[in-house]
Amino acid sequence: MQVMNAEWTVTEETTAKKAFDIAYKREIRALIDSVRLRASSVKEIDDMWSLHDFLSVKRHEVDGRYDYRLPILLFVFAGLVKEGWLSIDELEGLSNDKIAKISALASM
């Protein structure tokens, strides 16, 4: 993955952190709802191990997706937009150039 060297203003960093947190909380809420539903249907030990496997995969996915390092943040946001956890509108406050790059990456 090529790192995009972009300068971040204080305003952009504040906007980015807010958007990052919104997406994270949104995805975690959805995951918790999904886990509650799956847990309520556990009847056998195999169901429990299946739930465990599901949680292990989701933890790996979430930990990998939410990486708040400025050099790769445009890629992170593009992925979050593409997956529906964040909208381009929620990135208002970033430069037009950054938003254009995120939009282009999200549409790939």
N, C-alpha and C. Protein backbone atom coordinates (compact mmCIF):
# COMPACT_ATOMS: atom_id res chain seq x y z
N MET A 1 0.85 -1.17 0.00
CA MET A 1 0.00 0.00 0.00
C MET A 1 0.90 1.24 0.00
N GLN A 2 0.65 2.10 -0.93
CA GLN A 2 1.41 3.35 -0.99
C GLN A 2 0.84 4.32 0.02
N VAL A 3 1.72 4.96 0.78
CA VAL A 3 1.29 5.91 1.79
C VAL A 3 1.15 7.27 1.15
N MET A 4 0.03 7.93 1.43
CA MET A 4 -0.19 9.27 0.91
C MET A 4 0.37 10.27 1.90
N ASN A 5 1.35 11.03 1.46
CA ASN A 5 1.93 12.04 2.33
C ASN A 5 1.10 13.31 2.22
N ALA A 6 0.28 13.53 3.18
CA ALA A 6 -0.59 14.70 3.20
C ALA A 6 -0.38 15.44 4.51
N GLU A 7 -0.36 16.71 4.41
CA GLU A 7 -0.28 17.54 5.61
C GLU A 7 -1.68 17.65 6.20
N TRP A 8 -1.75 17.65 7.50
CA TRP A 8 -3.03 17.73 8.20
C TRP A 8 -3.03 18.98 9.07
N THR A 9 -4.04 19.82 8.88
CA THR A 9 -4.20 20.99 9.74
C THR A 9 -4.83 20.54 11.05
N VAL A 10 -4.80 21.40 12.02
CA VAL A 10 -5.43 21.08 13.31
C VAL A 10 -6.92 20.83 13.11
N THR A 11 -7.56 21.65 12.29
CA THR A 11 -8.99 21.48 12.01
C THR A 11 -9.25 20.14 11.34
N GLU A 12 -8.40 19.77 10.39
CA GLU A 12 -8.57 18.49 9.72
C GLU A 12 -8.36 17.32 10.68
N GLU A 13 -7.39 17.44 11.55
CA GLU A 13 -7.16 16.36 12.52
C GLU A 13 -8.35 16.22 13.45
N THR A 14 -8.94 17.33 13.86
CA THR A 14 -10.13 17.30 14.72
C THR A 14 -11.30 16.65 13.98
N THR A 15 -11.50 17.05 12.73
CA THR A 15 -12.55 16.47 11.90
C THR A 15 -12.32 14.97 11.70
N ALA A 16 -11.08 14.61 11.41
CA ALA A 16 -10.74 13.21 11.17
C ALA A 16 -11.00 12.37 12.41
N LYS A 17 -10.60 12.84 13.56
CA LYS A 17 -10.79 12.08 14.81
C LYS A 17 -12.28 11.90 15.09
N LYS A 18 -13.05 12.95 14.87
CA LYS A 18 -14.50 12.87 15.11
C LYS A 18 -15.13 11.84 14.15
N ALA A 19 -14.78 11.91 12.88
CA ALA A 19 -15.34 10.98 11.89
C ALA A 19 -14.91 9.54 12.20
N PHE A 20 -13.66 9.37 12.56
CA PHE A 20 -13.13 8.05 12.92
C PHE A 20 -13.92 7.46 14.08
N ASP A 21 -14.14 8.27 15.11
CA ASP A 21 -14.88 7.82 16.29
C ASP A 21 -16.33 7.50 15.96
N ILE A 22 -16.95 8.30 15.10
CA ILE A 22 -18.34 8.05 14.69
C ILE A 22 -18.44 6.69 14.00
N ALA A 23 -17.55 6.44 13.04
CA ALA A 23 -17.59 5.17 12.31
C ALA A 23 -17.35 3.99 13.25
N TYR A 24 -16.37 4.13 14.14
CA TYR A 24 -16.05 3.06 15.08
C TYR A 24 -17.25 2.74 15.97
N LYS A 25 -17.84 3.77 16.54
CA LYS A 25 -19.00 3.54 17.42
C LYS A 25 -20.17 2.94 16.65
N ARG A 26 -20.36 3.38 15.42
CA ARG A 26 -21.44 2.85 14.58
C ARG A 26 -21.23 1.35 14.31
N GLU A 27 -20.01 1.00 13.94
CA GLU A 27 -19.74 -0.40 13.65
C GLU A 27 -19.82 -1.26 14.91
N ILE A 28 -19.33 -0.76 16.03
CA ILE A 28 -19.38 -1.52 17.27
C ILE A 28 -20.82 -1.73 17.72
N ARG A 29 -21.65 -0.70 17.58
CA ARG A 29 -23.08 -0.85 17.91
C ARG A 29 -23.71 -1.95 17.08
N ALA A 30 -23.43 -1.96 15.78
CA ALA A 30 -23.98 -2.98 14.89
C ALA A 30 -23.45 -4.37 15.27
N LEU A 31 -22.18 -4.44 15.62
CA LEU A 31 -21.59 -5.71 16.01
C LEU A 31 -22.21 -6.23 17.30
N ILE A 32 -22.40 -5.37 18.26
CA ILE A 32 -23.03 -5.78 19.53
C ILE A 32 -24.44 -6.30 19.27
N ASP A 33 -25.20 -5.62 18.42
CA ASP A 33 -26.54 -6.09 18.08
C ASP A 33 -26.49 -7.47 17.43
N SER A 34 -25.51 -7.66 16.54
CA SER A 34 -25.36 -8.94 15.87
C SER A 34 -24.98 -10.05 16.86
N VAL A 35 -24.11 -9.72 17.80
CA VAL A 35 -23.69 -10.71 18.80
C VAL A 35 -24.86 -11.07 19.70
N ARG A 36 -25.64 -10.09 20.10
CA ARG A 36 -26.82 -10.38 20.93
C ARG A 36 -27.76 -11.35 20.22
N LEU A 37 -27.99 -11.09 18.94
CA LEU A 37 -28.88 -11.96 18.17
C LEU A 37 -28.31 -13.36 18.06
N ARG A 38 -27.03 -13.47 17.75
CA ARG A 38 -26.39 -14.78 17.63
C ARG A 38 -26.38 -15.50 18.98
N ALA A 39 -26.07 -14.78 20.04
CA ALA A 39 -25.99 -15.40 21.36
C ALA A 39 -27.35 -15.93 21.81
N SER A 40 -28.39 -15.23 21.42
CA SER A 40 -29.72 -15.67 21.83
C SER A 40 -30.14 -16.98 21.16
N SER A 41 -29.43 -17.35 20.09
CA SER A 41 -29.78 -18.59 19.40
C SER A 41 -28.83 -19.74 19.72
N VAL A 42 -27.95 -19.54 20.69
CA VAL A 42 -27.03 -20.61 21.09
C VAL A 42 -27.82 -21.69 21.83
N LYS A 43 -27.78 -22.90 21.27
CA LYS A 43 -28.50 -24.02 21.87
C LYS A 43 -27.56 -25.18 22.19
N GLU A 44 -26.50 -25.29 21.43
CA GLU A 44 -25.57 -26.41 21.56
C GLU A 44 -24.15 -25.85 21.69
N ILE A 45 -23.24 -26.71 22.11
CA ILE A 45 -21.85 -26.30 22.25
C ILE A 45 -21.27 -25.83 20.91
N ASP A 46 -21.67 -26.48 19.82
CA ASP A 46 -21.19 -26.07 18.50
C ASP A 46 -21.63 -24.64 18.17
N ASP A 47 -22.82 -24.26 18.63
CA ASP A 47 -23.30 -22.89 18.43
C ASP A 47 -22.40 -21.90 19.17
N MET A 48 -21.99 -22.29 20.36
CA MET A 48 -21.13 -21.42 21.16
C MET A 48 -19.76 -21.27 20.49
N TRP A 49 -19.21 -22.37 20.00
CA TRP A 49 -17.90 -22.28 19.34
C TRP A 49 -18.02 -21.47 18.04
N SER A 50 -19.13 -21.58 17.38
CA SER A 50 -19.37 -20.79 16.18
C SER A 50 -19.41 -19.30 16.52
N LEU A 51 -20.06 -18.98 17.63
CA LEU A 51 -20.09 -17.59 18.09
C LEU A 51 -18.68 -17.11 18.43
N HIS A 52 -17.91 -17.96 19.08
CA HIS A 52 -16.53 -17.63 19.41
C HIS A 52 -15.73 -17.34 18.14
N ASP A 53 -15.88 -18.20 17.14
CA ASP A 53 -15.17 -18.01 15.87
C ASP A 53 -15.58 -16.70 15.20
N PHE A 54 -16.88 -16.43 15.21
CA PHE A 54 -17.40 -15.18 14.65
C PHE A 54 -16.76 -13.97 15.34
N LEU A 55 -16.72 -14.02 16.67
CA LEU A 55 -16.13 -12.92 17.43
C LEU A 55 -14.64 -12.76 17.14
N SER A 56 -13.94 -13.85 17.01
CA SER A 56 -12.51 -13.79 16.69
C SER A 56 -12.27 -13.12 15.35
N VAL A 57 -13.04 -13.50 14.36
CA VAL A 57 -12.92 -12.90 13.03
C VAL A 57 -13.25 -11.41 13.09
N LYS A 58 -14.34 -11.08 13.75
CA LYS A 58 -14.76 -9.67 13.83
C LYS A 58 -13.73 -8.82 14.57
N ARG A 59 -13.14 -9.38 15.62
CA ARG A 59 -12.12 -8.62 16.35
C ARG A 59 -10.94 -8.31 15.43
N HIS A 60 -10.52 -9.30 14.68
CA HIS A 60 -9.41 -9.11 13.75
C HIS A 60 -9.77 -8.06 12.69
N GLU A 61 -10.97 -8.13 12.15
CA GLU A 61 -11.42 -7.17 11.14
C GLU A 61 -11.46 -5.75 11.70
N VAL A 62 -12.08 -5.59 12.85
CA VAL A 62 -12.23 -4.27 13.44
C VAL A 62 -10.87 -3.70 13.83
N ASP A 63 -10.04 -4.51 14.47
CA ASP A 63 -8.70 -4.03 14.85
C ASP A 63 -7.90 -3.60 13.63
N GLY A 64 -8.05 -4.32 12.52
CA GLY A 64 -7.32 -3.97 11.30
C GLY A 64 -7.89 -2.77 10.58
N ARG A 65 -9.18 -2.57 10.68
CA ARG A 65 -9.85 -1.49 9.97
C ARG A 65 -9.63 -0.13 10.63
N TYR A 66 -9.59 -0.09 11.94
CA TYR A 66 -9.52 1.18 12.66
C TYR A 66 -8.09 1.47 13.09
N ASP A 67 -7.34 2.02 12.16
CA ASP A 67 -5.93 2.35 12.37
C ASP A 67 -5.78 3.85 12.18
N TYR A 68 -5.64 4.56 13.29
CA TYR A 68 -5.61 6.02 13.23
C TYR A 68 -4.17 6.53 13.15
N ARG A 69 -3.56 6.28 11.99
CA ARG A 69 -2.25 6.87 11.70
C ARG A 69 -2.44 7.79 10.52
N LEU A 70 -2.06 9.05 10.69
CA LEU A 70 -2.32 10.05 9.66
C LEU A 70 -1.83 9.65 8.27
N PRO A 71 -0.66 9.04 8.12
CA PRO A 71 -0.20 8.71 6.77
C PRO A 71 -1.11 7.75 6.00
N ILE A 72 -1.89 6.94 6.70
CA ILE A 72 -2.78 6.00 6.00
C ILE A 72 -4.26 6.31 6.21
N LEU A 73 -4.56 7.40 6.85
CA LEU A 73 -5.94 7.71 7.22
C LEU A 73 -6.86 7.89 6.01
N LEU A 74 -6.35 8.38 4.91
CA LEU A 74 -7.20 8.52 3.72
C LEU A 74 -7.66 7.14 3.25
N PHE A 75 -6.78 6.14 3.33
CA PHE A 75 -7.16 4.77 2.97
C PHE A 75 -8.18 4.21 3.96
N VAL A 76 -7.97 4.49 5.23
CA VAL A 76 -8.90 4.03 6.27
C VAL A 76 -10.28 4.62 6.01
N PHE A 77 -10.34 5.93 5.77
CA PHE A 77 -11.63 6.58 5.52
C PHE A 77 -12.28 6.04 4.25
N ALA A 78 -11.49 5.80 3.21
CA ALA A 78 -12.05 5.26 1.97
C ALA A 78 -12.70 3.91 2.23
N GLY A 79 -12.03 3.07 3.01
CA GLY A 79 -12.61 1.77 3.35
C GLY A 79 -13.89 1.90 4.16
N LEU A 80 -13.89 2.82 5.10
CA LEU A 80 -15.08 3.02 5.94
C LEU A 80 -16.25 3.55 5.13
N VAL A 81 -15.96 4.44 4.18
CA VAL A 81 -17.02 4.95 3.30
C VAL A 81 -17.53 3.83 2.41
N LYS A 82 -16.62 3.07 1.83
CA LYS A 82 -17.00 1.98 0.93
C LYS A 82 -17.86 0.94 1.66
N GLU A 83 -17.55 0.68 2.91
CA GLU A 83 -18.28 -0.33 3.68
C GLU A 83 -19.54 0.22 4.34
N GLY A 84 -19.76 1.53 4.23
CA GLY A 84 -20.98 2.12 4.75
C GLY A 84 -20.94 2.55 6.20
N TRP A 85 -19.77 2.53 6.82
CA TRP A 85 -19.66 2.94 8.22
C TRP A 85 -19.50 4.44 8.37
N LEU A 86 -19.23 5.11 7.27
CA LEU A 86 -19.00 6.55 7.28
C LEU A 86 -19.49 7.11 5.96
N SER A 87 -19.97 8.34 5.99
CA SER A 87 -20.37 9.00 4.73
C SER A 87 -19.38 10.11 4.42
N ILE A 88 -19.28 10.44 3.17
CA ILE A 88 -18.40 11.54 2.74
C ILE A 88 -18.79 12.83 3.46
N ASP A 89 -20.08 13.04 3.67
CA ASP A 89 -20.54 14.25 4.37
C ASP A 89 -19.95 14.38 5.76
N GLU A 90 -19.69 13.26 6.40
CA GLU A 90 -19.14 13.28 7.76
C GLU A 90 -17.66 13.66 7.78
N LEU A 91 -17.07 13.81 6.61
CA LEU A 91 -15.68 14.23 6.49
C LEU A 91 -15.54 15.71 6.17
N GLU A 92 -16.68 16.42 6.20
CA GLU A 92 -16.65 17.86 5.94
C GLU A 92 -15.74 18.52 6.97
N GLY A 93 -14.79 19.29 6.47
CA GLY A 93 -13.79 19.90 7.33
C GLY A 93 -12.40 19.49 6.86
N LEU A 94 -12.35 18.38 6.09
CA LEU A 94 -11.10 18.01 5.44
C LEU A 94 -10.98 18.83 4.16
N SER A 95 -9.77 18.94 3.64
CA SER A 95 -9.57 19.69 2.40
C SER A 95 -10.32 19.00 1.26
N ASN A 96 -10.66 19.78 0.25
CA ASN A 96 -11.33 19.22 -0.92
C ASN A 96 -10.47 18.15 -1.58
N ASP A 97 -9.17 18.33 -1.56
CA ASP A 97 -8.24 17.36 -2.14
C ASP A 97 -8.33 16.03 -1.39
N LYS A 98 -8.34 16.06 -0.08
CA LYS A 98 -8.44 14.83 0.70
C LYS A 98 -9.78 14.13 0.47
N ILE A 99 -10.84 14.91 0.44
CA ILE A 99 -12.17 14.33 0.21
C ILE A 99 -12.24 13.71 -1.18
N ALA A 100 -11.65 14.37 -2.16
CA ALA A 100 -11.64 13.82 -3.52
C ALA A 100 -10.86 12.50 -3.56
N LYS A 101 -9.73 12.42 -2.88
CA LYS A 101 -8.94 11.18 -2.84
C LYS A 101 -9.71 10.08 -2.15
N ILE A 102 -10.36 10.40 -1.03
CA ILE A 102 -11.15 9.40 -0.32
C ILE A 102 -12.28 8.91 -1.18
N SER A 103 -12.99 9.82 -1.85
CA SER A 103 -14.09 9.44 -2.73
C SER A 103 -13.61 8.54 -3.86
N ALA A 104 -12.48 8.90 -4.46
CA ALA A 104 -11.95 8.09 -5.56
C ALA A 104 -11.56 6.70 -5.08
N LEU A 105 -10.89 6.62 -3.94
CA LEU A 105 -10.50 5.32 -3.40
C LEU A 105 -11.71 4.49 -3.00
N ALA A 106 -12.72 5.13 -2.46
CA ALA A 106 -13.93 4.41 -2.03
C ALA A 106 -14.72 3.85 -3.20
N SER A 107 -14.56 4.46 -4.36
CA SER A 107 -15.33 4.01 -5.53
C SER A 107 -14.63 2.90 -6.31
N MET A 108 -13.44 2.55 -5.89
CA MET A 108 -12.67 1.49 -6.59
C MET A 108 -13.22 0.13 -6.25
